Amino acid sequence: PRTERIFDFKYRLEIYVPEKKREFGYYVLPFLLGDELVGRVDLKA
């Protein structure tokens, strides 16, 4: 809730969400640029 309030960035961890219901992915990292959260990536090493 604080992330959304400060950065206007809706974010949740979808690890435990069934794959077909995930909006962004399994392990999504927000991307900070300057003082804004401007994007996100679903990453796997």
All heavy atoms as atom14 arrays in JSON, in Angstrom:
{
  "sequence": "PRTERIFDFKYRLEIYVPEKKREFGYYVLPFLLGDELVGRVDLKA",
  "atom14_mask": [
    [1, 1, 1, 1, 1, 1, 1, 0, 0, 0, 0, 0, 0, 0],
    [1, 1, 1, 1, 1, 1, 1, 1, 1, 1, 1, 0, 0, 0],
    [1, 1, 1, 1, 1, 1, 1, 0, 0, 0, 0, 0, 0, 0],
    [1, 1, 1, 1, 1, 1, 1, 1, 1, 0, 0, 0, 0, 0],
    [1, 1, 1, 1, 1, 1, 1, 1, 1, 1, 1, 0, 0, 0],
    [1, 1, 1, 1, 1, 1, 1, 1, 0, 0, 0, 0, 0, 0],
    [1, 1, 1, 1, 1, 1, 1, 1, 1, 1, 1, 0, 0, 0],
    [1, 1, 1, 1, 1, 1, 1, 1, 0, 0, 0, 0, 0, 0],
    [1, 1, 1, 1, 1, 1, 1, 1, 1, 1, 1, 0, 0, 0],
    [1, 1, 1, 1, 1, 1, 1, 1, 1, 0, 0, 0, 0, 0],
    [1, 1, 1, 1, 1, 1, 1, 1, 1, 1, 1, 1, 0, 0],
    [1, 1, 1, 1, 1, 1, 1, 1, 1, 1, 1, 0, 0, 0],
    [1, 1, 1, 1, 1, 1, 1, 1, 0, 0, 0, 0, 0, 0],
    [1, 1, 1, 1, 1, 1, 1, 1, 1, 0, 0, 0, 0, 0],
    [1, 1, 1, 1, 1, 1, 1, 1, 0, 0, 0, 0, 0, 0],
    [1, 1, 1, 1, 1, 1, 1, 1, 1, 1, 1, 1, 0, 0],
    [1, 1, 1, 1, 1, 1, 1, 0, 0, 0, 0, 0, 0, 0],
    [1, 1, 1, 1, 1, 1, 1, 0, 0, 0, 0, 0, 0, 0],
    [1, 1, 1, 1, 1, 1, 1, 1, 1, 0, 0, 0, 0, 0],
    [1, 1, 1, 1, 1, 1, 1, 1, 1, 0, 0, 0, 0, 0],
    [1, 1, 1, 1, 1, 1, 1, 1, 1, 0, 0, 0, 0, 0],
    [1, 1, 1, 1, 1, 1, 1, 1, 1, 1, 1, 0, 0, 0],
    [1, 1, 1, 1, 1, 1, 1, 1, 1, 0, 0, 0, 0, 0],
    [1, 1, 1, 1, 1, 1, 1, 1, 1, 1, 1, 0, 0, 0],
    [1, 1, 1, 1, 0, 0, 0, 0, 0, 0, 0, 0, 0, 0],
    [1, 1, 1, 1, 1, 1, 1, 1, 1, 1, 1, 1, 0, 0],
    [1, 1, 1, 1, 1, 1, 1, 1, 1, 1, 1, 1, 0, 0],
    [1, 1, 1, 1, 1, 1, 1, 0, 0, 0, 0, 0, 0, 0],
    [1, 1, 1, 1, 1, 1, 1, 1, 0, 0, 0, 0, 0, 0],
    [1, 1, 1, 1, 1, 1, 1, 0, 0, 0, 0, 0, 0, 0],
    [1, 1, 1, 1, 1, 1, 1, 1, 1, 1, 1, 0, 0, 0],
    [1, 1, 1, 1, 1, 1, 1, 1, 0, 0, 0, 0, 0, 0],
    [1, 1, 1, 1, 1, 1, 1, 1, 0, 0, 0, 0, 0, 0],
    [1, 1, 1, 1, 0, 0, 0, 0, 0, 0, 0, 0, 0, 0],
    [1, 1, 1, 1, 1, 1, 1, 1, 0, 0, 0, 0, 0, 0],
    [1, 1, 1, 1, 1, 1, 1, 1, 1, 0, 0, 0, 0, 0],
    [1, 1, 1, 1, 1, 1, 1, 1, 0, 0, 0, 0, 0, 0],
    [1, 1, 1, 1, 1, 1, 1, 0, 0, 0, 0, 0, 0, 0],
    [1, 1, 1, 1, 0, 0, 0, 0, 0, 0, 0, 0, 0, 0],
    [1, 1, 1, 1, 1, 1, 1, 1, 1, 1, 1, 0, 0, 0],
    [1, 1, 1, 1, 1, 1, 1, 0, 0, 0, 0, 0, 0, 0],
    [1, 1, 1, 1, 1, 1, 1, 1, 0, 0, 0, 0, 0, 0],
    [1, 1, 1, 1, 1, 1, 1, 1, 0, 0, 0, 0, 0, 0],
    [1, 1, 1, 1, 1, 1, 1, 1, 1, 0, 0, 0, 0, 0],
    [1, 1, 1, 1, 1, 0, 0, 0, 0, 0, 0, 0, 0, 0]
  ],
  "atom14_positions": [
    [[0.82, -1.23, 0.0], [0.0, 0.0, 0.0], [0.85, 1.27, 0.0], [0.5, 2.26, -0.65], [-0.81, -0.13, 1.3], [-0.84, -1.6, 1.59], [0.48, -2.12, 1.13], [0.0, 0.0, 0.0], [0.0, 0.0, 0.0], [0.0, 0.0, 0.0], [0.0, 0.0, 0.0], [0.0, 0.0, 0.0], [0.0, 0.0, 0.0], [0.0, 0.0, 0.0]],
    [[1.97, 1.25, 0.72], [2.85, 2.42, 0.76], [3.49, 2.63, -0.62], [3.62, 3.78, -1.08], [3.94, 2.22, 1.82], [4.9, 3.4, 1.95], [5.88, 3.17, 3.11], [6.73, 4.33, 3.32], [7.91, 4.52, 2.75], [8.38, 3.59, 1.92], [8.62, 5.6, 3.01], [0.0, 0.0, 0.0], [0.0, 0.0, 0.0], [0.0, 0.0, 0.0]],
    [[3.89, 1.55, -1.27], [4.48, 1.66, -2.62], [3.51, 2.33, -3.58], [3.9, 3.21, -4.36], [4.86, 0.26, -3.14], [5.75, -0.37, -2.22], [5.51, 0.35, -4.5], [0.0, 0.0, 0.0], [0.0, 0.0, 0.0], [0.0, 0.0, 0.0], [0.0, 0.0, 0.0], [0.0, 0.0, 0.0], [0.0, 0.0, 0.0], [0.0, 0.0, 0.0]],
    [[2.26, 1.93, -3.53], [1.27, 2.52, -4.43], [1.02, 3.98, -4.07], [0.89, 4.83, -4.96], [-0.04, 1.73, -4.36], [-1.08, 2.23, -5.33], [-2.31, 1.34, -5.42], [-2.29, 0.24, -4.8], [-3.29, 1.74, -6.08], [0.0, 0.0, 0.0], [0.0, 0.0, 0.0], [0.0, 0.0, 0.0], [0.0, 0.0, 0.0], [0.0, 0.0, 0.0]],
    [[0.99, 4.28, -2.77], [0.71, 5.64, -2.33], [1.85, 6.6, -2.7], [1.61, 7.73, -3.12], [0.5, 5.62, -0.81], [-0.14, 6.86, -0.25], [-0.23, 6.84, 1.27], [-0.39, 5.52, 1.83], [0.51, 4.94, 2.62], [1.64, 5.55, 2.92], [0.29, 3.74, 3.12], [0.0, 0.0, 0.0], [0.0, 0.0, 0.0], [0.0, 0.0, 0.0]],
    [[3.1, 6.15, -2.55], [4.24, 7.03, -2.81], [4.61, 7.08, -4.28], [4.89, 8.15, -4.83], [5.46, 6.57, -1.97], [5.22, 6.84, -0.49], [6.74, 7.26, -2.43], [6.38, 6.51, 0.4], [0.0, 0.0, 0.0], [0.0, 0.0, 0.0], [0.0, 0.0, 0.0], [0.0, 0.0, 0.0], [0.0, 0.0, 0.0], [0.0, 0.0, 0.0]],
    [[4.59, 5.92, -4.94], [5.11, 5.85, -6.31], [4.01, 5.7, -7.37], [4.33, 5.63, -8.56], [6.08, 4.67, -6.44], [7.33, 4.81, -5.63], [7.44, 4.22, -4.38], [8.4, 5.54, -6.11], [8.6, 4.34, -3.62], [9.56, 5.68, -5.36], [9.65, 5.08, -4.11], [0.0, 0.0, 0.0], [0.0, 0.0, 0.0], [0.0, 0.0, 0.0]],
    [[2.75, 5.62, -6.93], [1.65, 5.35, -7.87], [1.98, 4.11, -8.7], [1.85, 4.09, -9.93], [1.4, 6.56, -8.79], [0.09, 6.44, -9.57], [-0.8, 5.71, -9.11], [-0.01, 7.06, -10.64], [0.0, 0.0, 0.0], [0.0, 0.0, 0.0], [0.0, 0.0, 0.0], [0.0, 0.0, 0.0], [0.0, 0.0, 0.0], [0.0, 0.0, 0.0]],
    [[2.39, 3.07, -8.0], [2.89, 1.84, -8.64], [2.24, 0.66, -7.93], [2.54, 0.36, -6.78], [4.42, 1.79, -8.48], [5.11, 0.69, -9.23], [5.47, 0.84, -10.56], [5.44, -0.51, -8.59], [6.14, -0.17, -11.25], [6.11, -1.52, -9.26], [6.46, -1.35, -10.6], [0.0, 0.0, 0.0], [0.0, 0.0, 0.0], [0.0, 0.0, 0.0]],
    [[1.31, 0.01, -8.64], [0.64, -1.16, -8.07], [1.53, -2.39, -8.26], [1.93, -2.7, -9.38], [-0.71, -1.38, -8.75], [-1.72, -0.28, -8.47], [-3.06, -0.59, -9.11], [-4.07, 0.5, -8.81], [-5.4, 0.22, -9.43], [0.0, 0.0, 0.0], [0.0, 0.0, 0.0], [0.0, 0.0, 0.0], [0.0, 0.0, 0.0], [0.0, 0.0, 0.0]],
    [[1.83, -3.04, -7.15], [2.8, -4.12, -7.21], [2.42, -5.22, -6.23], [2.02, -4.95, -5.1], [4.19, -3.57, -6.84], [5.29, -4.6, -6.82], [5.6, -5.34, -7.95], [6.05, -4.8, -5.67], [6.61, -6.28, -7.93], [7.07, -5.73, -5.64], [7.35, -6.48, -6.78], [8.36, -7.41, -6.75], [0.0, 0.0, 0.0], [0.0, 0.0, 0.0]],
    [[2.51, -6.43, -6.7], [2.34, -7.57, -5.81], [3.2, -8.72, -6.3], [3.54, -8.81, -7.49], [0.87, -8.01, -5.73], [0.29, -8.61, -7.0], [-1.05, -9.26, -6.72], [-1.67, -9.8, -7.93], [-2.63, -10.71, -7.92], [-3.09, -11.18, -6.79], [-3.15, -11.15, -9.06], [0.0, 0.0, 0.0], [0.0, 0.0, 0.0], [0.0, 0.0, 0.0]],
    [[3.55, -9.58, -5.38], [4.35, -10.76, -5.7], [3.41, -11.86, -6.15], [2.49, -12.23, -5.42], [5.16, -11.19, -4.47], [6.24, -12.25, -4.68], [7.29, -11.77, -5.66], [6.89, -12.59, -3.34], [0.0, 0.0, 0.0], [0.0, 0.0, 0.0], [0.0, 0.0, 0.0], [0.0, 0.0, 0.0], [0.0, 0.0, 0.0], [0.0, 0.0, 0.0]],
    [[3.66, -12.41, -7.35], [2.72, -13.37, -7.93], [3.26, -14.8, -7.92], [2.77, -15.65, -8.66], [2.38, -12.95, -9.37], [1.68, -11.6, -9.45], [1.3, -11.22, -10.87], [2.2, -10.84, -11.64], [0.11, -11.32, -11.2], [0.0, 0.0, 0.0], [0.0, 0.0, 0.0], [0.0, 0.0, 0.0], [0.0, 0.0, 0.0], [0.0, 0.0, 0.0]],
    [[4.24, -15.07, -7.07], [4.81, -16.41, -6.99], [3.73, -17.45, -6.72], [3.73, -18.55, -7.3], [5.9, -16.47, -5.89], [7.14, -15.7, -6.34], [6.27, -17.9, -5.56], [8.22, -15.61, -5.27], [0.0, 0.0, 0.0], [0.0, 0.0, 0.0], [0.0, 0.0, 0.0], [0.0, 0.0, 0.0], [0.0, 0.0, 0.0], [0.0, 0.0, 0.0]],
    [[2.81, -17.11, -5.82], [1.8, -18.09, -5.41], [0.48, -17.94, -6.18], [-0.51, -18.57, -5.84], [1.56, -17.97, -3.9], [2.83, -18.16, -3.11], [3.44, -17.1, -2.45], [3.46, -19.41, -3.06], [4.62, -17.28, -1.74], [4.64, -19.59, -2.36], [5.21, -18.52, -1.7], [6.39, -18.69, -1.01], [0.0, 0.0, 0.0], [0.0, 0.0, 0.0]],
    [[0.49, -17.11, -7.21], [-0.67, -16.97, -8.09], [-0.55, -18.01, -9.21], [0.53, -18.16, -9.79], [-0.74, -15.55, -8.69], [-1.87, -15.43, -9.69], [-0.87, -14.52, -7.57], [0.0, 0.0, 0.0], [0.0, 0.0, 0.0], [0.0, 0.0, 0.0], [0.0, 0.0, 0.0], [0.0, 0.0, 0.0], [0.0, 0.0, 0.0], [0.0, 0.0, 0.0]],
    [[-1.62, -18.75, -9.52], [-1.53, -19.7, -10.65], [-1.02, -19.01, -11.91], [-1.37, -17.85, -12.19], [-2.98, -20.16, -10.82], [-3.61, -19.99, -9.47], [-2.94, -18.77, -8.88], [0.0, 0.0, 0.0], [0.0, 0.0, 0.0], [0.0, 0.0, 0.0], [0.0, 0.0, 0.0], [0.0, 0.0, 0.0], [0.0, 0.0, 0.0], [0.0, 0.0, 0.0]],
    [[-0.19, -19.71, -12.66], [0.5, -19.09, -13.79], [-0.44, -18.37, -14.75], [-0.15, -17.26, -15.21], [1.3, -20.16, -14.55], [2.13, -19.6, -15.69], [3.03, -20.65, -16.34], [2.98, -21.83, -15.91], [3.77, -20.29, -17.26], [0.0, 0.0, 0.0], [0.0, 0.0, 0.0], [0.0, 0.0, 0.0], [0.0, 0.0, 0.0], [0.0, 0.0, 0.0]],
    [[-1.57, -18.96, -15.07], [-2.48, -18.37, -16.04], [-3.14, -17.09, -15.52], [-3.66, -16.29, -16.3], [-3.55, -19.38, -16.45], [-3.01, -20.55, -17.26], [-4.11, -21.49, -17.7], [-3.56, -22.64, -18.53], [-4.63, -23.58, -18.96], [0.0, 0.0, 0.0], [0.0, 0.0, 0.0], [0.0, 0.0, 0.0], [0.0, 0.0, 0.0], [0.0, 0.0, 0.0]],
    [[-3.12, -16.9, -14.2], [-3.74, -15.72, -13.62], [-2.75, -14.61, -13.29], [-3.15, -13.53, -12.84], [-4.5, -16.11, -12.34], [-5.68, -17.04, -12.59], [-6.45, -17.31, -11.31], [-7.66, -18.2, -11.56], [-8.43, -18.46, -10.33], [0.0, 0.0, 0.0], [0.0, 0.0, 0.0], [0.0, 0.0, 0.0], [0.0, 0.0, 0.0], [0.0, 0.0, 0.0]],
    [[-1.47, -14.85, -13.53], [-0.46, -13.83, -13.24], [-0.57, -12.68, -14.25], [-0.7, -12.9, -15.44], [0.94, -14.42, -13.29], [1.23, -15.37, -12.15], [2.6, -16.02, -12.31], [2.76, -17.14, -11.39], [3.48, -18.21, -11.61], [4.15, -18.33, -12.76], [3.57, -19.17, -10.72], [0.0, 0.0, 0.0], [0.0, 0.0, 0.0], [0.0, 0.0, 0.0]],
    [[-0.47, -11.47, -13.75], [-0.53, -10.31, -14.62], [0.83, -10.01, -15.24], [0.93, -9.7, -16.42], [-1.01, -9.09, -13.83], [-1.18, -7.84, -14.68], [-1.72, -6.67, -13.89], [-1.89, -6.8, -12.65], [-1.97, -5.62, -14.51], [0.0, 0.0, 0.0], [0.0, 0.0, 0.0], [0.0, 0.0, 0.0], [0.0, 0.0, 0.0], [0.0, 0.0, 0.0]],
    [[1.89, -10.11, -14.43], [3.22, -9.73, -14.91], [4.22, -10.89, -14.9], [5.12, -10.92, -15.73], [3.77, -8.57, -14.07], [2.98, -7.31, -14.22], [2.17, -6.86, -13.2], [3.05, -6.56, -15.39], [1.44, -5.69, -13.32], [2.31, -5.39, -15.54], [1.5, -4.95, -14.5], [0.0, 0.0, 0.0], [0.0, 0.0, 0.0], [0.0, 0.0, 0.0]],
    [[4.1, -11.82, -13.95], [5.04, -12.93, -13.97], [5.35, -13.48, -12.59], [4.84, -13.02, -11.57], [0.0, 0.0, 0.0], [0.0, 0.0, 0.0], [0.0, 0.0, 0.0], [0.0, 0.0, 0.0], [0.0, 0.0, 0.0], [0.0, 0.0, 0.0], [0.0, 0.0, 0.0], [0.0, 0.0, 0.0], [0.0, 0.0, 0.0], [0.0, 0.0, 0.0]],
    [[6.23, -14.48, -12.58], [6.56, -15.23, -11.36], [7.42, -14.42, -10.4], [7.12, -14.3, -9.21], [7.28, -16.52, -11.75], [7.74, -17.37, -10.58], [6.84, -18.18, -9.9], [9.07, -17.35, -10.17], [7.25, -18.97, -8.83], [9.49, -18.13, -9.1], [8.59, -18.93, -8.43], [9.0, -19.69, -7.37], [0.0, 0.0, 0.0], [0.0, 0.0, 0.0]],
    [[8.51, -13.85, -10.89], [9.44, -13.13, -10.02], [9.77, -11.8, -10.68], [10.69, -11.68, -11.47], [10.71, -13.95, -9.8], [11.5, -13.56, -8.57], [11.1, -13.99, -7.31], [12.63, -12.77, -8.66], [11.81, -13.65, -6.17], [13.35, -12.42, -7.53], [12.93, -12.86, -6.29], [13.65, -12.52, -5.16], [0.0, 0.0, 0.0], [0.0, 0.0, 0.0]],
    [[9.0, -10.79, -10.31], [9.02, -9.5, -10.99], [9.75, -8.47, -10.13], [9.43, -8.28, -8.96], [7.6, -9.03, -11.31], [7.6, -7.63, -11.9], [6.93, -10.01, -12.28], [0.0, 0.0, 0.0], [0.0, 0.0, 0.0], [0.0, 0.0, 0.0], [0.0, 0.0, 0.0], [0.0, 0.0, 0.0], [0.0, 0.0, 0.0], [0.0, 0.0, 0.0]],
    [[10.72, -7.81, -10.74], [11.51, -6.8, -10.07], [11.1, -5.41, -10.57], [11.15, -5.15, -11.78], [13.01, -6.99, -10.3], [13.74, -8.03, -9.44], [13.21, -9.43, -9.71], [15.23, -7.97, -9.7], [0.0, 0.0, 0.0], [0.0, 0.0, 0.0], [0.0, 0.0, 0.0], [0.0, 0.0, 0.0], [0.0, 0.0, 0.0], [0.0, 0.0, 0.0]],
    [[10.7, -4.5, -9.68], [10.43, -3.12, -10.1], [11.72, -2.43, -10.56], [12.8, -2.72, -10.04], [9.88, -2.46, -8.83], [9.43, -3.59, -7.96], [10.37, -4.72, -8.26], [0.0, 0.0, 0.0], [0.0, 0.0, 0.0], [0.0, 0.0, 0.0], [0.0, 0.0, 0.0], [0.0, 0.0, 0.0], [0.0, 0.0, 0.0], [0.0, 0.0, 0.0]],
    [[11.57, -1.51, -11.51], [12.73, -0.78, -12.04], [12.64, 0.67, -11.56], [11.7, 1.4, -11.89], [12.75, -0.84, -13.56], [13.94, -0.17, -14.19], [15.22, -0.32, -13.66], [13.8, 0.61, -15.33], [16.32, 0.3, -14.24], [14.9, 1.22, -15.93], [16.16, 1.08, -15.37], [0.0, 0.0, 0.0], [0.0, 0.0, 0.0], [0.0, 0.0, 0.0]],
    [[13.63, 1.07, -10.77], [13.71, 2.42, -10.24], [14.64, 3.25, -11.12], [15.77, 2.87, -11.37], [14.26, 2.37, -8.8], [14.58, 3.72, -8.14], [13.31, 4.52, -7.88], [15.34, 3.48, -6.82], [0.0, 0.0, 0.0], [0.0, 0.0, 0.0], [0.0, 0.0, 0.0], [0.0, 0.0, 0.0], [0.0, 0.0, 0.0], [0.0, 0.0, 0.0]],
    [[14.13, 4.39, -11.57], [14.93, 5.31, -12.38], [14.69, 6.72, -11.87], [13.55, 7.2, -11.89], [14.57, 5.2, -13.86], [15.52, 5.9, -14.84], [16.92, 5.31, -14.78], [14.98, 5.8, -16.27], [0.0, 0.0, 0.0], [0.0, 0.0, 0.0], [0.0, 0.0, 0.0], [0.0, 0.0, 0.0], [0.0, 0.0, 0.0], [0.0, 0.0, 0.0]],
    [[15.74, 7.38, -11.41], [15.56, 8.66, -10.75], [14.8, 8.44, -9.45], [15.18, 7.61, -8.62], [0.0, 0.0, 0.0], [0.0, 0.0, 0.0], [0.0, 0.0, 0.0], [0.0, 0.0, 0.0], [0.0, 0.0, 0.0], [0.0, 0.0, 0.0], [0.0, 0.0, 0.0], [0.0, 0.0, 0.0], [0.0, 0.0, 0.0], [0.0, 0.0, 0.0]],
    [[13.69, 9.15, -9.3], [12.87, 8.96, -8.09], [11.53, 8.31, -8.42], [10.57, 8.46, -7.67], [12.66, 10.3, -7.37], [11.95, 11.35, -8.24], [11.39, 10.98, -9.28], [11.99, 12.53, -7.87], [0.0, 0.0, 0.0], [0.0, 0.0, 0.0], [0.0, 0.0, 0.0], [0.0, 0.0, 0.0], [0.0, 0.0, 0.0], [0.0, 0.0, 0.0]],
    [[11.48, 7.59, -9.52], [10.23, 6.96, -9.94], [10.4, 5.46, -10.22], [11.47, 5.03, -10.65], [9.69, 7.62, -11.21], [9.35, 9.09, -11.06], [8.84, 9.69, -12.36], [9.61, 9.76, -13.33], [7.66, 10.07, -12.4], [0.0, 0.0, 0.0], [0.0, 0.0, 0.0], [0.0, 0.0, 0.0], [0.0, 0.0, 0.0], [0.0, 0.0, 0.0]],
    [[9.35, 4.71, -9.96], [9.28, 3.32, -10.4], [8.63, 3.34, -11.78], [7.44, 3.62, -11.9], [8.48, 2.47, -9.41], [9.13, 2.29, -8.03], [8.19, 1.53, -7.1], [10.47, 1.58, -8.14], [0.0, 0.0, 0.0], [0.0, 0.0, 0.0], [0.0, 0.0, 0.0], [0.0, 0.0, 0.0], [0.0, 0.0, 0.0], [0.0, 0.0, 0.0]],
    [[9.42, 3.08, -12.8], [8.99, 3.34, -14.17], [8.64, 2.07, -14.94], [8.12, 2.13, -16.05], [10.08, 4.11, -14.95], [10.29, 5.49, -14.35], [11.39, 3.32, -14.97], [0.0, 0.0, 0.0], [0.0, 0.0, 0.0], [0.0, 0.0, 0.0], [0.0, 0.0, 0.0], [0.0, 0.0, 0.0], [0.0, 0.0, 0.0], [0.0, 0.0, 0.0]],
    [[8.94, 0.91, -14.4], [8.66, -0.33, -15.11], [8.94, -1.52, -14.22], [9.22, -1.38, -13.02], [0.0, 0.0, 0.0], [0.0, 0.0, 0.0], [0.0, 0.0, 0.0], [0.0, 0.0, 0.0], [0.0, 0.0, 0.0], [0.0, 0.0, 0.0], [0.0, 0.0, 0.0], [0.0, 0.0, 0.0], [0.0, 0.0, 0.0], [0.0, 0.0, 0.0]],
    [[8.88, -2.72, -14.83], [9.13, -3.95, -14.08], [9.52, -5.04, -15.06], [9.13, -5.0, -16.25], [7.92, -4.34, -13.25], [6.69, -4.69, -14.05], [5.45, -4.73, -13.17], [4.82, -3.42, -13.06], [3.93, -3.1, -12.12], [3.58, -3.98, -11.2], [3.39, -1.9, -12.1], [0.0, 0.0, 0.0], [0.0, 0.0, 0.0], [0.0, 0.0, 0.0]],
    [[10.28, -6.01, -14.58], [10.71, -7.13, -15.43], [10.54, -8.44, -14.67], [10.81, -8.53, -13.48], [12.18, -6.99, -15.88], [12.31, -5.97, -16.98], [13.1, -6.64, -14.72], [0.0, 0.0, 0.0], [0.0, 0.0, 0.0], [0.0, 0.0, 0.0], [0.0, 0.0, 0.0], [0.0, 0.0, 0.0], [0.0, 0.0, 0.0], [0.0, 0.0, 0.0]],
    [[10.07, -9.44, -15.39], [9.97, -10.8, -14.87], [11.26, -11.52, -15.26], [11.49, -11.78, -16.45], [8.74, -11.5, -15.46], [8.56, -12.91, -14.93], [9.15, -13.24, -13.89], [7.82, -13.69, -15.57], [0.0, 0.0, 0.0], [0.0, 0.0, 0.0], [0.0, 0.0, 0.0], [0.0, 0.0, 0.0], [0.0, 0.0, 0.0], [0.0, 0.0, 0.0]],
    [[12.11, -11.81, -14.28], [13.45, -12.32, -14.56], [13.65, -13.74, -14.07], [13.05, -14.17, -13.09], [14.51, -11.43, -13.9], [14.65, -9.99, -14.41], [15.75, -9.28, -13.66], [14.92, -9.96, -15.91], [0.0, 0.0, 0.0], [0.0, 0.0, 0.0], [0.0, 0.0, 0.0], [0.0, 0.0, 0.0], [0.0, 0.0, 0.0], [0.0, 0.0, 0.0]],
    [[14.55, -14.42, -14.76], [15.0, -15.75, -14.33], [16.47, -15.9, -14.69], [16.87, -15.64, -15.83], [14.19, -16.86, -14.99], [14.68, -18.26, -14.59], [13.9, -19.35, -15.29], [14.43, -20.74, -14.9], [13.69, -21.83, -15.58], [0.0, 0.0, 0.0], [0.0, 0.0, 0.0], [0.0, 0.0, 0.0], [0.0, 0.0, 0.0], [0.0, 0.0, 0.0]],
    [[17.26, -16.29, -13.7], [18.67, -16.6, -13.97], [18.78, -18.09, -14.24], [18.62, -18.9, -13.32], [19.53, -16.2, -12.77], [0.0, 0.0, 0.0], [0.0, 0.0, 0.0], [0.0, 0.0, 0.0], [0.0, 0.0, 0.0], [0.0, 0.0, 0.0], [0.0, 0.0, 0.0], [0.0, 0.0, 0.0], [0.0, 0.0, 0.0], [0.0, 0.0, 0.0]]
  ]
}
